[in-house]
Protein backbone atom coordinates (compact mmCIF):
# COMPACT_ATOMS: atom_id res chain seq x y z
CA MET A 1 93.86 108.86 106.29
CA ASN A 2 90.89 107.39 108.13
CA ARG A 3 91.97 106.16 111.61
CA TYR A 4 90.33 102.74 111.11
CA ILE A 5 92.10 102.11 107.80
CA GLN A 6 95.34 103.22 109.45
CA GLU A 7 94.73 100.67 112.27
CA ILE A 8 94.30 97.89 109.72
CA ILE A 9 97.59 98.88 108.09
CA ASP A 10 99.46 99.25 111.37
CA ALA A 11 98.20 95.92 112.73
CA HIS A 12 99.33 94.11 109.60
CA VAL A 13 102.78 95.63 109.80
CA LEU A 14 103.09 94.16 113.33
CA ILE A 15 101.68 90.81 112.20
CA GLU A 16 104.13 90.61 109.31
CA LYS A 17 107.09 91.42 111.57
CA TRP A 18 105.99 88.96 114.29
CA LEU A 19 105.16 86.02 112.04
CA GLY A 20 108.02 86.62 109.59
CA LYS A 21 110.89 87.52 111.94
CA ARG A 22 109.56 87.50 115.57
CA GLU A 23 110.21 91.21 115.69
CA GLY A 24 108.33 93.34 118.18
CA THR A 25 106.55 92.00 121.25
CA LEU A 26 103.65 89.66 121.52
CA GLU A 27 102.01 91.84 124.17
CA VAL A 28 101.91 94.90 121.86
CA LEU A 29 100.47 92.84 119.01
CA LEU A 30 97.80 91.24 121.21
CA SER A 31 96.82 94.55 122.77
CA ARG A 32 95.18 95.48 119.48
CA PHE A 33 92.56 92.76 119.95
CA GLY A 34 89.70 93.07 122.38
CA GLU A 35 89.19 90.29 124.93
CA ASP A 36 85.85 89.61 123.19
CA PHE A 37 87.58 89.29 119.80
CA THR A 38 86.37 86.62 117.40
CA MET A 39 87.91 85.58 114.12
CA VAL A 40 86.38 83.46 111.36
CA ALA A 41 89.27 81.96 109.41
CA PRO A 42 89.10 81.23 105.66
CA THR A 43 88.57 77.56 106.62
CA GLY A 44 85.39 78.53 108.50
CA ALA A 45 87.02 77.86 111.89
CA CYS A 46 85.87 80.30 114.58
CA LEU A 47 88.63 81.45 116.94
CA ASP A 48 88.23 83.43 120.14
CA TYR A 49 90.82 85.79 121.69
CA ALA A 50 92.51 82.95 123.58
CA ALA A 51 92.93 80.87 120.43
CA VAL A 52 94.29 83.80 118.44
CA ALA A 53 96.68 84.65 121.28
CA ALA A 54 97.91 81.04 121.38
CA PHE A 55 98.38 81.08 117.62
CA PHE A 56 100.55 84.23 117.72
CA ALA A 57 102.45 82.96 120.76
CA SER A 58 103.39 79.75 118.94
CA GLN A 59 104.04 81.28 115.50
CA GLY A 60 106.64 84.01 116.13
CA ALA A 61 109.02 83.69 113.13
CA GLY A 62 106.98 80.68 111.97
CA ARG A 63 106.58 82.13 108.48
CA PRO A 64 110.04 83.27 107.42
CA GLY A 65 110.09 85.88 104.68
CA LEU A 66 106.39 86.69 105.05
CA LYS A 67 105.24 89.80 103.24
CA ILE A 68 101.71 91.17 103.64
CA ALA A 69 100.23 93.61 101.13
CA LEU A 70 96.86 95.26 101.61
CA ASP A 71 94.67 96.93 99.03
CA ALA A 72 91.03 97.83 98.37
CA LEU A 73 90.69 99.15 101.91
CA THR A 74 87.16 100.49 102.30
CA VAL A 75 85.22 101.77 105.26
CA VAL A 76 81.84 100.05 104.85
CA THR A 77 80.28 102.01 107.69
CA GLN A 78 81.52 104.15 110.54
CA TRP A 79 79.90 105.49 113.74
CA GLU A 80 81.03 107.54 116.71
CA ASN A 81 83.24 104.89 118.26
CA GLY A 82 83.68 102.19 115.61
CA ALA A 83 83.73 101.04 112.01
CA VAL A 84 83.45 98.13 109.67
CA VAL A 85 86.37 97.94 107.19
CA ASN A 86 86.74 95.61 104.22
CA TYR A 87 90.09 94.90 102.54
CA ARG A 88 92.08 92.41 100.47
CA GLU A 89 95.17 90.91 101.99
CA THR A 90 97.87 89.19 99.97
CA GLN A 91 100.46 87.12 101.80
CA THR A 92 103.63 85.94 100.10
CA ARG A 93 106.54 83.81 101.31
CA PRO A 94 109.52 82.45 99.46
CA ASP A 95 108.77 79.11 97.78
CA GLN A 96 105.11 79.15 98.97
CA PRO A 97 101.86 79.72 97.06
CA VAL A 98 100.45 83.25 97.24
CA ASN A 99 97.67 83.47 99.81
CA VAL A 100 94.95 86.04 99.04
CA ARG A 101 91.91 86.68 101.19
CA TRP A 102 89.16 89.23 101.58
CA SER A 103 88.66 90.41 105.12
CA THR A 104 86.01 92.33 107.00
CA ALA A 105 86.92 93.78 110.36
CA VAL A 106 84.76 95.32 113.08
CA LEU A 107 86.77 97.85 115.05
CA HIS A 108 85.96 99.73 118.29
CA GLN A 109 87.45 103.01 119.48
CA ASN A 110 87.65 103.40 123.25
CA GLU A 111 89.30 106.14 125.25
CA ARG A 112 92.74 104.54 124.82
CA ALA A 113 92.91 102.89 121.46
CA ILE A 114 91.17 101.14 118.61
CA THR A 115 90.60 97.47 119.22
CA TRP A 116 89.55 94.64 116.89
CA ARG A 117 86.23 93.00 117.82
CA LEU A 118 85.62 90.72 114.82
CA LEU A 119 87.58 89.58 111.81
CA HIS A 120 86.00 87.51 109.04
CA GLU A 121 88.33 86.20 106.36
CA THR A 122 87.35 84.56 103.09
CA ALA A 123 89.82 82.85 100.79
CA HIS A 124 90.20 84.40 97.34
CA PRO A 125 90.98 81.95 94.56
């Protein structure tokens, strides 16, 4: 499997465990995001690394029963030390509406690991 697609999958496993059950450690989850990370949420809000870190810090186990399914994972483009990946994410929780979004991530490979540089999410009706 492509290493960038695997990173998308692995990161979402950690996110599901952290938000759904507060399993794992916040430090390991946040280490996947570069300090220059930016996220555009489905609402259009733009969040920097500090805002995303604060969100995860405050939301451990904040979404009980969360399940995240990914599909349509596609490498849009790839270069020596990075890639752009597009995918659909479906979040479900007991007694909550299904939340579906399309996401595009820009990932960077350094000597130690792959880090997330940009995530742009768009709500899917």
